Amino acid sequence: MKSTLRFQADGGTIECLYTEAIDLQLLGPLRITRATDIRFNDPTQQWQVHDAVTDRVLFSNSSRSECLAWENQNLQPRSKS
């Protein structure tokens, strides 16, 4: 997995898909806001990736690993061209 950090103009906000590949705690105290929440839907027997703000289902699959892979593929900060 490629690690990407995007620093916002406010000088203190970093957008990234968090992994421990880079120890961000070296920069100081962290405040983490999740972009998504993965949870199991009992009636459909599917794992679902929910938008953490709107609760909208973004992706679903019978495999939690596939949902994690979808997050990794789709939630990387977009490069500004």
N, C-alpha and C. Protein backbone atom coordinates (compact mmCIF):
# COMPACT_ATOMS: atom_id res chain seq x y z
N MET A 1 0.84 -1.17 0.00
CA MET A 1 0.00 0.00 0.00
C MET A 1 0.89 1.24 0.00
N LYS A 2 0.55 2.18 -0.82
CA LYS A 2 1.27 3.44 -0.90
C LYS A 2 0.75 4.38 0.18
N SER A 3 1.64 5.04 0.91
CA SER A 3 1.24 6.01 1.92
C SER A 3 1.24 7.40 1.31
N THR A 4 0.13 8.11 1.50
CA THR A 4 0.01 9.45 0.97
C THR A 4 -0.47 10.38 2.07
N LEU A 5 0.20 11.50 2.25
CA LEU A 5 -0.23 12.53 3.18
C LEU A 5 -0.52 13.79 2.38
N ARG A 6 -1.63 14.43 2.66
CA ARG A 6 -1.93 15.72 2.02
C ARG A 6 -2.13 16.74 3.13
N PHE A 7 -1.30 17.78 3.13
CA PHE A 7 -1.35 18.82 4.14
C PHE A 7 -2.27 19.94 3.66
N GLN A 8 -3.19 20.34 4.51
CA GLN A 8 -4.12 21.42 4.18
C GLN A 8 -3.45 22.77 4.42
N ALA A 9 -3.99 23.81 3.81
CA ALA A 9 -3.42 25.16 3.91
C ALA A 9 -3.49 25.73 5.32
N ASP A 10 -4.34 25.16 6.18
CA ASP A 10 -4.45 25.69 7.55
C ASP A 10 -3.21 25.40 8.39
N GLY A 11 -2.30 24.61 7.86
CA GLY A 11 -1.04 24.35 8.53
C GLY A 11 -1.08 23.26 9.59
N GLY A 12 -2.24 22.67 9.84
CA GLY A 12 -2.29 21.67 10.88
C GLY A 12 -3.09 20.42 10.54
N THR A 13 -3.76 20.43 9.40
CA THR A 13 -4.60 19.30 9.03
C THR A 13 -3.92 18.46 7.97
N ILE A 14 -3.91 17.15 8.21
CA ILE A 14 -3.35 16.20 7.25
C ILE A 14 -4.45 15.22 6.90
N GLU A 15 -4.65 14.96 5.62
CA GLU A 15 -5.58 13.94 5.17
C GLU A 15 -4.79 12.73 4.74
N CYS A 16 -5.22 11.55 5.22
CA CYS A 16 -4.53 10.33 4.81
C CYS A 16 -5.39 9.13 5.15
N LEU A 17 -5.08 8.03 4.54
CA LEU A 17 -5.61 6.75 4.96
C LEU A 17 -4.60 6.23 5.96
N TYR A 18 -4.99 6.20 7.23
CA TYR A 18 -4.03 5.96 8.30
C TYR A 18 -3.53 4.53 8.33
N THR A 19 -2.25 4.40 8.34
CA THR A 19 -1.58 3.13 8.64
C THR A 19 -0.44 3.48 9.58
N GLU A 20 0.21 2.50 10.08
CA GLU A 20 1.35 2.76 10.95
C GLU A 20 2.66 2.77 10.18
N ALA A 21 2.57 2.88 8.83
CA ALA A 21 3.78 2.96 8.01
C ALA A 21 4.57 4.23 8.33
N ILE A 22 3.85 5.28 8.70
CA ILE A 22 4.47 6.54 9.11
C ILE A 22 3.95 6.83 10.51
N ASP A 23 4.84 7.01 11.49
CA ASP A 23 4.42 7.26 12.86
C ASP A 23 4.04 8.74 13.01
N LEU A 24 2.75 9.02 12.81
CA LEU A 24 2.29 10.41 12.87
C LEU A 24 2.36 10.99 14.27
N GLN A 25 2.44 10.14 15.30
CA GLN A 25 2.55 10.65 16.66
C GLN A 25 3.85 11.40 16.90
N LEU A 26 4.83 11.19 16.03
CA LEU A 26 6.07 11.95 16.13
C LEU A 26 5.84 13.44 15.88
N LEU A 27 4.74 13.77 15.20
CA LEU A 27 4.41 15.16 14.91
C LEU A 27 3.73 15.85 16.09
N GLY A 28 3.24 15.06 17.05
CA GLY A 28 2.54 15.61 18.21
C GLY A 28 1.22 14.89 18.41
N PRO A 29 0.36 15.43 19.30
CA PRO A 29 -0.92 14.78 19.57
C PRO A 29 -1.78 14.70 18.31
N LEU A 30 -2.47 13.57 18.16
CA LEU A 30 -3.32 13.35 17.00
C LEU A 30 -4.78 13.53 17.37
N ARG A 31 -5.57 14.00 16.44
CA ARG A 31 -7.03 13.96 16.52
C ARG A 31 -7.48 13.25 15.26
N ILE A 32 -8.04 12.07 15.41
CA ILE A 32 -8.41 11.22 14.28
C ILE A 32 -9.90 11.32 14.03
N THR A 33 -10.28 11.54 12.78
CA THR A 33 -11.68 11.52 12.37
C THR A 33 -11.81 10.45 11.30
N ARG A 34 -12.65 9.47 11.56
CA ARG A 34 -12.84 8.38 10.59
C ARG A 34 -13.68 8.87 9.42
N ALA A 35 -13.32 8.42 8.25
CA ALA A 35 -14.10 8.71 7.05
C ALA A 35 -15.20 7.68 6.86
N THR A 36 -14.95 6.45 7.32
CA THR A 36 -15.91 5.37 7.13
C THR A 36 -15.99 4.50 8.37
N ASP A 37 -17.00 3.67 8.37
CA ASP A 37 -17.22 2.69 9.43
C ASP A 37 -17.62 1.39 8.75
N ILE A 38 -16.90 0.31 9.03
CA ILE A 38 -17.25 -0.99 8.44
C ILE A 38 -17.98 -1.81 9.49
N ARG A 39 -19.18 -2.26 9.14
CA ARG A 39 -19.95 -3.08 10.07
C ARG A 39 -20.74 -4.15 9.33
N PHE A 40 -21.11 -5.18 10.07
CA PHE A 40 -21.82 -6.32 9.48
C PHE A 40 -23.32 -6.08 9.53
N ASN A 41 -23.99 -6.34 8.39
CA ASN A 41 -25.44 -6.23 8.30
C ASN A 41 -26.02 -7.64 8.43
N ASP A 42 -26.64 -7.93 9.58
CA ASP A 42 -27.16 -9.28 9.83
C ASP A 42 -28.19 -9.73 8.79
N PRO A 43 -29.21 -8.90 8.46
CA PRO A 43 -30.23 -9.37 7.50
C PRO A 43 -29.67 -9.71 6.12
N THR A 44 -28.70 -8.92 5.63
CA THR A 44 -28.16 -9.17 4.29
C THR A 44 -26.94 -10.09 4.31
N GLN A 45 -26.38 -10.31 5.51
CA GLN A 45 -25.17 -11.12 5.67
C GLN A 45 -24.01 -10.56 4.84
N GLN A 46 -23.91 -9.24 4.82
CA GLN A 46 -22.85 -8.54 4.09
C GLN A 46 -22.14 -7.57 5.04
N TRP A 47 -20.85 -7.40 4.81
CA TRP A 47 -20.12 -6.31 5.44
C TRP A 47 -20.40 -5.06 4.64
N GLN A 48 -20.55 -3.94 5.32
CA GLN A 48 -20.85 -2.68 4.63
C GLN A 48 -19.90 -1.58 5.07
N VAL A 49 -19.45 -0.80 4.10
CA VAL A 49 -18.65 0.39 4.37
C VAL A 49 -19.63 1.56 4.39
N HIS A 50 -19.76 2.20 5.55
CA HIS A 50 -20.67 3.34 5.72
C HIS A 50 -19.88 4.64 5.78
N ASP A 51 -20.39 5.68 5.14
CA ASP A 51 -19.84 7.02 5.29
C ASP A 51 -20.04 7.42 6.75
N ALA A 52 -18.99 7.83 7.43
CA ALA A 52 -19.06 8.13 8.86
C ALA A 52 -19.92 9.36 9.16
N VAL A 53 -20.10 10.24 8.20
CA VAL A 53 -20.90 11.44 8.42
C VAL A 53 -22.37 11.21 8.05
N THR A 54 -22.61 10.66 6.86
CA THR A 54 -23.99 10.52 6.38
C THR A 54 -24.59 9.15 6.67
N ASP A 55 -23.78 8.17 7.02
CA ASP A 55 -24.18 6.78 7.26
C ASP A 55 -24.62 6.07 5.98
N ARG A 56 -24.41 6.69 4.83
CA ARG A 56 -24.75 6.07 3.55
C ARG A 56 -23.82 4.89 3.29
N VAL A 57 -24.38 3.79 2.75
CA VAL A 57 -23.57 2.62 2.41
C VAL A 57 -22.81 2.93 1.12
N LEU A 58 -21.49 2.84 1.20
CA LEU A 58 -20.63 3.13 0.06
C LEU A 58 -20.23 1.88 -0.71
N PHE A 59 -20.18 0.75 0.02
CA PHE A 59 -19.74 -0.51 -0.59
C PHE A 59 -20.17 -1.64 0.33
N SER A 60 -20.49 -2.79 -0.25
CA SER A 60 -20.80 -3.96 0.58
C SER A 60 -20.26 -5.21 -0.10
N ASN A 61 -19.93 -6.19 0.75
CA ASN A 61 -19.38 -7.45 0.26
C ASN A 61 -19.49 -8.47 1.38
N SER A 62 -19.52 -9.74 1.04
CA SER A 62 -19.58 -10.78 2.06
C SER A 62 -18.24 -10.91 2.80
N SER A 63 -17.19 -10.34 2.24
CA SER A 63 -15.85 -10.40 2.84
C SER A 63 -15.46 -9.05 3.45
N ARG A 64 -15.12 -9.07 4.74
CA ARG A 64 -14.65 -7.85 5.38
C ARG A 64 -13.33 -7.40 4.76
N SER A 65 -12.50 -8.35 4.38
CA SER A 65 -11.22 -8.01 3.73
C SER A 65 -11.45 -7.24 2.44
N GLU A 66 -12.48 -7.60 1.70
CA GLU A 66 -12.80 -6.86 0.47
C GLU A 66 -13.23 -5.43 0.78
N CYS A 67 -13.96 -5.26 1.88
CA CYS A 67 -14.36 -3.90 2.29
C CYS A 67 -13.14 -3.08 2.69
N LEU A 68 -12.20 -3.70 3.39
CA LEU A 68 -10.96 -2.99 3.74
C LEU A 68 -10.17 -2.64 2.49
N ALA A 69 -10.13 -3.55 1.53
CA ALA A 69 -9.43 -3.28 0.27
C ALA A 69 -10.12 -2.14 -0.49
N TRP A 70 -11.45 -2.12 -0.46
CA TRP A 70 -12.20 -1.04 -1.12
C TRP A 70 -11.85 0.30 -0.48
N GLU A 71 -11.80 0.33 0.86
CA GLU A 71 -11.40 1.56 1.56
C GLU A 71 -10.02 2.02 1.09
N ASN A 72 -9.09 1.09 1.06
CA ASN A 72 -7.72 1.42 0.67
C ASN A 72 -7.67 1.97 -0.76
N GLN A 73 -8.44 1.39 -1.65
CA GLN A 73 -8.45 1.80 -3.05
C GLN A 73 -9.16 3.14 -3.26
N ASN A 74 -10.24 3.38 -2.50
CA ASN A 74 -11.11 4.51 -2.79
C ASN A 74 -11.00 5.69 -1.85
N LEU A 75 -10.28 5.55 -0.75
CA LEU A 75 -10.22 6.65 0.20
C LEU A 75 -8.85 7.32 0.28
N GLN A 76 -7.97 6.99 -0.63
CA GLN A 76 -6.69 7.68 -0.67
C GLN A 76 -6.95 9.16 -1.01
N PRO A 77 -6.23 10.06 -0.37
CA PRO A 77 -6.39 11.47 -0.75
C PRO A 77 -6.11 11.64 -2.24
N ARG A 78 -6.94 12.40 -2.89
CA ARG A 78 -6.79 12.66 -4.32
C ARG A 78 -5.67 13.66 -4.54
N SER A 79 -4.82 13.38 -5.51
CA SER A 79 -3.76 14.34 -5.81
C SER A 79 -4.36 15.51 -6.56
N LYS A 80 -3.83 16.69 -6.27
CA LYS A 80 -4.32 17.90 -6.95
C LYS A 80 -3.47 18.13 -8.18
N SER A 81 -4.11 18.17 -9.32
CA SER A 81 -3.36 18.35 -10.57
C SER A 81 -3.47 19.77 -11.05
